[in-house]
PDB file of all heavy atoms in Angstrom:
ATOM      1  N   SER A   1       6.527  15.306 -45.601  1.00  0.00           N
ATOM      2  CA  SER A   1       5.979  14.907 -46.910  1.00  0.00           C
ATOM      3  C   SER A   1       6.198  13.423 -47.204  1.00  0.00           C
ATOM      4  O   SER A   1       6.189  13.008 -48.369  1.00  0.00           O
ATOM      5  CB  SER A   1       6.586  15.746 -48.039  1.00  0.00           C
ATOM      6  OG  SER A   1       6.307  17.114 -47.854  1.00  0.00           O
ATOM      7  N   SER A   2       6.382  12.634 -46.158  1.00  0.00           N
ATOM      8  CA  SER A   2       6.554  11.188 -46.360  1.00  0.00           C
ATOM      9  C   SER A   2       5.218  10.573 -46.765  1.00  0.00           C
ATOM     10  O   SER A   2       4.215  10.698 -46.055  1.00  0.00           O
ATOM     11  CB  SER A   2       7.040  10.528 -45.074  1.00  0.00           C
ATOM     12  OG  SER A   2       7.111   9.128 -45.219  1.00  0.00           O
ATOM     13  N   PRO A   3       5.163   9.853 -47.899  1.00  0.00           N
ATOM     14  CA  PRO A   3       3.898   9.255 -48.330  1.00  0.00           C
ATOM     15  C   PRO A   3       3.549   7.994 -47.567  1.00  0.00           C
ATOM     16  O   PRO A   3       2.393   7.535 -47.621  1.00  0.00           O
ATOM     17  CB  PRO A   3       4.144   8.940 -49.811  1.00  0.00           C
ATOM     18  CG  PRO A   3       5.627   8.697 -49.884  1.00  0.00           C
ATOM     19  CD  PRO A   3       6.248   9.635 -48.864  1.00  0.00           C
ATOM     20  N   ASN A   4       4.514   7.394 -46.879  1.00  0.00           N
ATOM     21  CA  ASN A   4       4.291   6.121 -46.195  1.00  0.00           C
ATOM     22  C   ASN A   4       4.226   6.336 -44.698  1.00  0.00           C
ATOM     23  O   ASN A   4       5.181   6.810 -44.085  1.00  0.00           O
ATOM     24  CB  ASN A   4       5.428   5.149 -46.524  1.00  0.00           C
ATOM     25  CG  ASN A   4       5.558   4.903 -48.021  1.00  0.00           C
ATOM     26  OD1 ASN A   4       4.554   4.696 -48.695  1.00  0.00           O
ATOM     27  ND2 ASN A   4       6.785   4.910 -48.516  1.00  0.00           N
ATOM     28  N   LYS A   5       3.110   5.953 -44.105  1.00  0.00           N
ATOM     29  CA  LYS A   5       2.943   6.064 -42.667  1.00  0.00           C
ATOM     30  C   LYS A   5       3.557   4.859 -41.980  1.00  0.00           C
ATOM     31  O   LYS A   5       3.425   3.720 -42.461  1.00  0.00           O
ATOM     32  CB  LYS A   5       1.460   6.184 -42.318  1.00  0.00           C
ATOM     33  CG  LYS A   5       0.792   7.414 -42.918  1.00  0.00           C
ATOM     34  CD  LYS A   5      -0.711   7.401 -42.727  1.00  0.00           C
ATOM     35  CE  LYS A   5      -1.359   8.623 -43.363  1.00  0.00           C
ATOM     36  NZ  LYS A   5      -2.827   8.602 -43.265  1.00  0.00           N
ATOM     37  N   ILE A   6       4.222   5.097 -40.876  1.00  0.00           N
ATOM     38  CA  ILE A   6       4.799   3.998 -40.112  1.00  0.00           C
ATOM     39  C   ILE A   6       3.708   3.206 -39.400  1.00  0.00           C
ATOM     40  O   ILE A   6       3.806   2.018 -39.232  1.00  0.00           O
ATOM     41  CB  ILE A   6       5.820   4.521 -39.093  1.00  0.00           C
ATOM     42  CG1 ILE A   6       6.930   5.322 -39.770  1.00  0.00           C
ATOM     43  CG2 ILE A   6       6.433   3.363 -38.301  1.00  0.00           C
ATOM     44  CD1 ILE A   6       7.883   5.977 -38.810  1.00  0.00           C
ATOM     45  N   GLN A   7       2.657   3.888 -38.989  1.00  0.00           N
ATOM     46  CA  GLN A   7       1.603   3.343 -38.120  1.00  0.00           C
ATOM     47  C   GLN A   7       2.190   3.023 -36.742  1.00  0.00           C
ATOM     48  O   GLN A   7       1.991   1.964 -36.167  1.00  0.00           O
ATOM     49  CB  GLN A   7       0.935   2.119 -38.740  1.00  0.00           C
ATOM     50  CG  GLN A   7       0.145   2.451 -40.013  1.00  0.00           C
ATOM     51  CD  GLN A   7      -0.508   1.251 -40.647  1.00  0.00           C
ATOM     52  OE1 GLN A   7       0.186   0.447 -41.242  1.00  0.00           O
ATOM     53  NE2 GLN A   7      -1.811   1.130 -40.505  1.00  0.00           N
ATOM     54  N   MET A   8       2.928   3.994 -36.222  1.00  0.00           N
ATOM     55  CA  MET A   8       3.569   3.879 -34.929  1.00  0.00           C
ATOM     56  C   MET A   8       2.751   4.615 -33.876  1.00  0.00           C
ATOM     57  O   MET A   8       2.323   5.738 -34.082  1.00  0.00           O
ATOM     58  CB  MET A   8       4.976   4.449 -34.948  1.00  0.00           C
ATOM     59  CG  MET A   8       5.789   4.186 -33.692  1.00  0.00           C
ATOM     60  SD  MET A   8       6.365   2.474 -33.606  1.00  0.00           S
ATOM     61  CE  MET A   8       7.788   2.556 -34.713  1.00  0.00           C
ATOM     62  N   GLU A   9       2.492   3.920 -32.778  1.00  0.00           N
ATOM     63  CA  GLU A   9       1.847   4.537 -31.622  1.00  0.00           C
ATOM     64  C   GLU A   9       2.932   4.874 -30.622  1.00  0.00           C
ATOM     65  O   GLU A   9       3.783   4.034 -30.301  1.00  0.00           O
ATOM     66  CB  GLU A   9       0.829   3.566 -31.011  1.00  0.00           C
ATOM     67  CG  GLU A   9       0.123   4.102 -29.770  1.00  0.00           C
ATOM     68  CD  GLU A   9      -0.892   3.121 -29.226  1.00  0.00           C
ATOM     69  OE1 GLU A   9      -1.647   2.516 -30.047  1.00  0.00           O
ATOM     70  OE2 GLU A   9      -0.907   2.914 -27.992  1.00  0.00           O
ATOM     71  N   VAL A  10       2.903   6.086 -30.112  1.00  0.00           N
ATOM     72  CA  VAL A  10       3.926   6.578 -29.180  1.00  0.00           C
ATOM     73  C   VAL A  10       3.245   6.952 -27.870  1.00  0.00           C
ATOM     74  O   VAL A  10       2.386   7.839 -27.823  1.00  0.00           O
ATOM     75  CB  VAL A  10       4.664   7.802 -29.765  1.00  0.00           C
ATOM     76  CG1 VAL A  10       5.774   8.233 -28.802  1.00  0.00           C
ATOM     77  CG2 VAL A  10       5.223   7.498 -31.138  1.00  0.00           C
ATOM     78  N   GLN A  11       3.592   6.252 -26.812  1.00  0.00           N
ATOM     79  CA  GLN A  11       3.080   6.545 -25.476  1.00  0.00           C
ATOM     80  C   GLN A  11       4.198   7.203 -24.666  1.00  0.00           C
ATOM     81  O   GLN A  11       5.313   6.680 -24.588  1.00  0.00           O
ATOM     82  CB  GLN A  11       2.621   5.250 -24.769  1.00  0.00           C
ATOM     83  CG  GLN A  11       1.525   4.519 -25.522  1.00  0.00           C
ATOM     84  CD  GLN A  11       1.080   3.259 -24.811  1.00  0.00           C
ATOM     85  OE1 GLN A  11       1.482   2.994 -23.655  1.00  0.00           O
ATOM     86  NE2 GLN A  11       0.243   2.462 -25.445  1.00  0.00           N
ATOM     87  N   VAL A  12       3.887   8.354 -24.075  1.00  0.00           N
ATOM     88  CA  VAL A  12       4.905   9.142 -23.393  1.00  0.00           C
ATOM     89  C   VAL A  12       4.519   9.367 -21.945  1.00  0.00           C
ATOM     90  O   VAL A  12       3.375   9.705 -21.638  1.00  0.00           O
ATOM     91  CB  VAL A  12       5.115  10.529 -24.071  1.00  0.00           C
ATOM     92  CG1 VAL A  12       6.369  11.201 -23.520  1.00  0.00           C
ATOM     93  CG2 VAL A  12       5.173  10.392 -25.577  1.00  0.00           C
ATOM     94  N   GLN A  13       5.457   9.182 -21.051  1.00  0.00           N
ATOM     95  CA  GLN A  13       5.308   9.587 -19.661  1.00  0.00           C
ATOM     96  C   GLN A  13       6.418  10.605 -19.367  1.00  0.00           C
ATOM     97  O   GLN A  13       7.605  10.281 -19.439  1.00  0.00           O
ATOM     98  CB  GLN A  13       5.424   8.412 -18.708  1.00  0.00           C
ATOM     99  CG  GLN A  13       4.150   7.577 -18.615  1.00  0.00           C
ATOM    100  CD  GLN A  13       4.264   6.448 -17.631  1.00  0.00           C
ATOM    101  OE1 GLN A  13       4.933   5.469 -17.860  1.00  0.00           O
ATOM    102  NE2 GLN A  13       3.601   6.582 -16.485  1.00  0.00           N
ATOM    103  N   ALA A  14       6.012  11.844 -19.086  1.00  0.00           N
ATOM    104  CA  ALA A  14       6.952  12.871 -18.618  1.00  0.00           C
ATOM    105  C   ALA A  14       6.852  12.966 -17.115  1.00  0.00           C
ATOM    106  O   ALA A  14       5.744  12.904 -16.565  1.00  0.00           O
ATOM    107  CB  ALA A  14       6.623  14.205 -19.272  1.00  0.00           C
ATOM    108  N   PHE A  15       7.989  13.104 -16.447  1.00  0.00           N
ATOM    109  CA  PHE A  15       7.951  13.156 -14.977  1.00  0.00           C
ATOM    110  C   PHE A  15       9.099  13.986 -14.454  1.00  0.00           C
ATOM    111  O   PHE A  15      10.085  14.230 -15.145  1.00  0.00           O
ATOM    112  CB  PHE A  15       7.942  11.743 -14.380  1.00  0.00           C
ATOM    113  CG  PHE A  15       9.080  10.853 -14.791  1.00  0.00           C
ATOM    114  CD1 PHE A  15      10.160  10.617 -13.949  1.00  0.00           C
ATOM    115  CD2 PHE A  15       9.065  10.207 -16.039  1.00  0.00           C
ATOM    116  CE1 PHE A  15      11.206   9.771 -14.325  1.00  0.00           C
ATOM    117  CE2 PHE A  15      10.104   9.361 -16.411  1.00  0.00           C
ATOM    118  CZ  PHE A  15      11.179   9.147 -15.553  1.00  0.00           C
ATOM    119  N   ALA A  16       8.948  14.412 -13.188  1.00  0.00           N
ATOM    120  CA  ALA A  16       9.964  15.260 -12.573  1.00  0.00           C
ATOM    121  C   ALA A  16       9.842  15.139 -11.051  1.00  0.00           C
ATOM    122  O   ALA A  16       8.833  14.675 -10.517  1.00  0.00           O
ATOM    123  CB  ALA A  16       9.785  16.726 -12.989  1.00  0.00           C
ATOM    124  N   TYR A  17      10.928  15.569 -10.385  1.00  0.00           N
ATOM    125  CA  TYR A  17      11.028  15.471  -8.934  1.00  0.00           C
ATOM    126  C   TYR A  17      11.361  16.826  -8.315  1.00  0.00           C
ATOM    127  O   TYR A  17      12.148  17.574  -8.886  1.00  0.00           O
ATOM    128  CB  TYR A  17      12.137  14.476  -8.530  1.00  0.00           C
ATOM    129  CG  TYR A  17      11.949  13.061  -9.053  1.00  0.00           C
ATOM    130  CD1 TYR A  17      12.364  12.739 -10.331  1.00  0.00           C
ATOM    131  CD2 TYR A  17      11.358  12.079  -8.261  1.00  0.00           C
ATOM    132  CE1 TYR A  17      12.220  11.438 -10.817  1.00  0.00           C
ATOM    133  CE2 TYR A  17      11.229  10.777  -8.743  1.00  0.00           C
ATOM    134  CZ  TYR A  17      11.637  10.470 -10.015  1.00  0.00           C
ATOM    135  OH  TYR A  17      11.509   9.202 -10.496  1.00  0.00           O
ATOM    136  N   GLN A  18      10.774  17.080  -7.162  1.00  0.00           N
ATOM    137  CA  GLN A  18      11.179  18.252  -6.332  1.00  0.00           C
ATOM    138  C   GLN A  18      12.256  17.765  -5.365  1.00  0.00           C
ATOM    139  O   GLN A  18      11.984  16.931  -4.508  1.00  0.00           O
ATOM    140  CB  GLN A  18       9.988  18.781  -5.543  1.00  0.00           C
ATOM    141  CG  GLN A  18       9.051  19.682  -6.324  1.00  0.00           C
ATOM    142  CD  GLN A  18       7.942  20.209  -5.432  1.00  0.00           C
ATOM    143  OE1 GLN A  18       7.371  19.486  -4.618  1.00  0.00           O
ATOM    144  NE2 GLN A  18       7.632  21.475  -5.583  1.00  0.00           N
ATOM    145  N   THR A  19      13.460  18.301  -5.487  1.00  0.00           N
ATOM    146  CA  THR A  19      14.560  17.865  -4.644  1.00  0.00           C
ATOM    147  C   THR A  19      15.389  19.084  -4.235  1.00  0.00           C
ATOM    148  O   THR A  19      15.152  20.209  -4.659  1.00  0.00           O
ATOM    149  CB  THR A  19      15.475  16.867  -5.377  1.00  0.00           C
ATOM    150  OG1 THR A  19      16.141  17.551  -6.438  1.00  0.00           O
ATOM    151  CG2 THR A  19      14.676  15.712  -5.936  1.00  0.00           C
ATOM    152  N   ASN A  20      16.396  18.820  -3.416  1.00  0.00           N
ATOM    153  CA  ASN A  20      17.338  19.866  -3.005  1.00  0.00           C
ATOM    154  C   ASN A  20      18.669  19.761  -3.737  1.00  0.00           C
ATOM    155  O   ASN A  20      19.658  20.395  -3.341  1.00  0.00           O
ATOM    156  CB  ASN A  20      17.570  19.782  -1.486  1.00  0.00           C
ATOM    157  CG  ASN A  20      16.310  20.119  -0.709  1.00  0.00           C
ATOM    158  OD1 ASN A  20      15.585  21.028  -1.062  1.00  0.00           O
ATOM    159  ND2 ASN A  20      16.077  19.374   0.369  1.00  0.00           N
ATOM    160  N   ASP A  21      18.726  18.948  -4.805  1.00  0.00           N
ATOM    161  CA  ASP A  21      19.958  18.781  -5.553  1.00  0.00           C
ATOM    162  C   ASP A  21      19.707  19.089  -7.028  1.00  0.00           C
ATOM    163  O   ASP A  21      18.689  19.657  -7.393  1.00  0.00           O
ATOM    164  CB  ASP A  21      20.547  17.384  -5.344  1.00  0.00           C
ATOM    165  CG  ASP A  21      19.543  16.272  -5.726  1.00  0.00           C
ATOM    166  OD1 ASP A  21      18.582  16.558  -6.475  1.00  0.00           O
ATOM    167  OD2 ASP A  21      19.733  15.125  -5.277  1.00  0.00           O
ATOM    168  N   ASP A  22      20.622  18.651  -7.904  1.00  0.00           N
ATOM    169  CA  ASP A  22      20.529  18.978  -9.334  1.00  0.00           C
ATOM    170  C   ASP A  22      19.308  18.380 -10.000  1.00  0.00           C
ATOM    171  O   ASP A  22      18.877  18.862 -11.066  1.00  0.00           O
ATOM    172  CB  ASP A  22      21.788  18.531 -10.066  1.00  0.00           C
ATOM    173  CG  ASP A  22      22.991  19.399  -9.723  1.00  0.00           C
ATOM    174  OD1 ASP A  22      22.778  20.539  -9.276  1.00  0.00           O
ATOM    175  OD2 ASP A  22      24.142  18.935  -9.915  1.00  0.00           O
ATOM    176  N   ILE A  23      18.751  17.302  -9.449  1.00  0.00           N
ATOM    177  CA  ILE A  23      17.566  16.691 -10.060  1.00  0.00           C
ATOM    178  C   ILE A  23      16.410  17.663 -10.073  1.00  0.00           C
ATOM    179  O   ILE A  23      15.489  17.546 -10.894  1.00  0.00           O
ATOM    180  CB  ILE A  23      17.217  15.387  -9.302  1.00  0.00           C
ATOM    181  CG1 ILE A  23      18.335  14.353  -9.511  1.00  0.00           C
ATOM    182  CG2 ILE A  23      15.882  14.819  -9.775  1.00  0.00           C
ATOM    183  CD1 ILE A  23      18.152  13.073  -8.730  1.00  0.00           C
ATOM    184  N   ASN A  24      16.440  18.666  -9.201  1.00  0.00           N
ATOM    185  CA  ASN A  24      15.394  19.682  -9.169  1.00  0.00           C
ATOM    186  C   ASN A  24      15.370  20.522 -10.447  1.00  0.00           C
ATOM    187  O   ASN A  24      14.390  21.191 -10.739  1.00  0.00           O
ATOM    188  CB  ASN A  24      15.589  20.600  -7.963  1.00  0.00           C
ATOM    189  CG  ASN A  24      14.350  21.395  -7.616  1.00  0.00           C
ATOM    190  OD1 ASN A  24      13.260  20.833  -7.478  1.00  0.00           O
ATOM    191  ND2 ASN A  24      14.495  22.695  -7.492  1.00  0.00           N
ATOM    192  N   SER A  25      16.455  20.491 -11.221  1.00  0.00           N
ATOM    193  CA  SER A  25      16.532  21.223 -12.482  1.00  0.00           C
ATOM    194  C   SER A  25      16.527  20.276 -13.680  1.00  0.00           C
ATOM    195  O   SER A  25      17.041  20.622 -14.741  1.00  0.00           O
ATOM    196  CB  SER A  25      17.790  22.115 -12.515  1.00  0.00           C
ATOM    197  OG  SER A  25      17.713  23.158 -11.562  1.00  0.00           O
ATOM    198  N   MET A  26      15.916  19.091 -13.519  1.00  0.00           N
ATOM    199  CA  MET A  26      15.838  18.109 -14.588  1.00  0.00           C
ATOM    200  C   MET A  26      14.392  17.741 -14.861  1.00  0.00           C
ATOM    201  O   MET A  26      13.545  17.805 -13.961  1.00  0.00           O
ATOM    202  CB  MET A  26      16.589  16.823 -14.213  1.00  0.00           C
ATOM    203  CG  MET A  26      18.071  16.993 -13.964  1.00  0.00           C
ATOM    204  SD  MET A  26      18.814  15.393 -13.529  1.00  0.00           S
ATOM    205  CE  MET A  26      20.469  15.905 -13.104  1.00  0.00           C
ATOM    206  N   THR A  27      14.122  17.342 -16.095  1.00  0.00           N
ATOM    207  CA  THR A  27      12.845  16.716 -16.455  1.00  0.00           C
ATOM    208  C   THR A  27      13.160  15.434 -17.188  1.00  0.00           C
ATOM    209  O   THR A  27      14.239  15.284 -17.790  1.00  0.00           O
ATOM    210  CB  THR A  27      11.973  17.619 -17.326  1.00  0.00           C
ATOM    211  OG1 THR A  27      12.654  17.915 -18.547  1.00  0.00           O
ATOM    212  CG2 THR A  27      11.626  18.928 -16.606  1.00  0.00           C
ATOM    213  N   PHE A  28      12.230  14.487 -17.160  1.00  0.00           N
ATOM    214  CA  PHE A  28      12.449  13.167 -17.740  1.00  0.00           C
ATOM    215  C   PHE A  28      11.263  12.807 -18.650  1.00  0.00           C
ATOM    216  O   PHE A  28      10.128  13.197 -18.385  1.00  0.00           O
ATOM    217  CB  PHE A  28      12.559  12.114 -16.636  1.00  0.00           C
ATOM    218  CG  PHE A  28      13.663  12.386 -15.646  1.00  0.00           C
ATOM    219  CD1 PHE A  28      13.449  13.228 -14.560  1.00  0.00           C
ATOM    220  CD2 PHE A  28      14.915  11.794 -15.800  1.00  0.00           C
ATOM    221  CE1 PHE A  28      14.471  13.491 -13.651  1.00  0.00           C
ATOM    222  CE2 PHE A  28      15.938  12.045 -14.904  1.00  0.00           C
ATOM    223  CZ  PHE A  28      15.714  12.897 -13.814  1.00  0.00           C
ATOM    224  N   GLN A  29      11.553  12.017 -19.682  1.00  0.00           N
ATOM    225  CA  GLN A  29      10.515  11.490 -20.554  1.00  0.00           C
ATOM    226  C   GLN A  29      10.810  10.035 -20.859  1.00  0.00           C
ATOM    227  O   GLN A  29      11.957   9.672 -21.149  1.00  0.00           O
ATOM    228  CB  GLN A  29      10.427  12.291 -21.865  1.00  0.00           C
ATOM    229  CG  GLN A  29       9.954  13.721 -21.677  1.00  0.00           C
ATOM    230  CD  GLN A  29       9.833  14.472 -22.978  1.00  0.00           C
ATOM    231  OE1 GLN A  29      10.124  13.956 -24.053  1.00  0.00           O
ATOM    232  NE2 GLN A  29       9.393  15.709 -22.893  1.00  0.00           N
ATOM    233  N   ARG A  30       9.786   9.209 -20.810  1.00  0.00           N
ATOM    234  CA  ARG A  30       9.891   7.802 -21.164  1.00  0.00           C
ATOM    235  C   ARG A  30       8.986   7.534 -22.355  1.00  0.00           C
ATOM    236  O   ARG A  30       7.818   7.880 -22.347  1.00  0.00           O
ATOM    237  CB  ARG A  30       9.475   6.911 -19.995  1.00  0.00           C
ATOM    238  CG  ARG A  30       9.547   5.418 -20.335  1.00  0.00           C
ATOM    239  CD  ARG A  30       8.886   4.561 -19.262  1.00  0.00           C
ATOM    240  NE  ARG A  30       8.981   3.145 -19.610  1.00  0.00           N
ATOM    241  CZ  ARG A  30       8.146   2.512 -20.409  1.00  0.00           C
ATOM    242  NH1 ARG A  30       7.123   3.180 -20.956  1.00  0.00           N
ATOM    243  NH2 ARG A  30       8.275   1.237 -20.690  1.00  0.00           N
TER     244      ARG A  30
END
């Protein structure tokens, strides 16, 4: 219910890796 818009643009890159270690159970967002 905020009456004031920030006028913010948000660009997102989500990425992930197939690995044989713990990174295989992680996701990333920039």
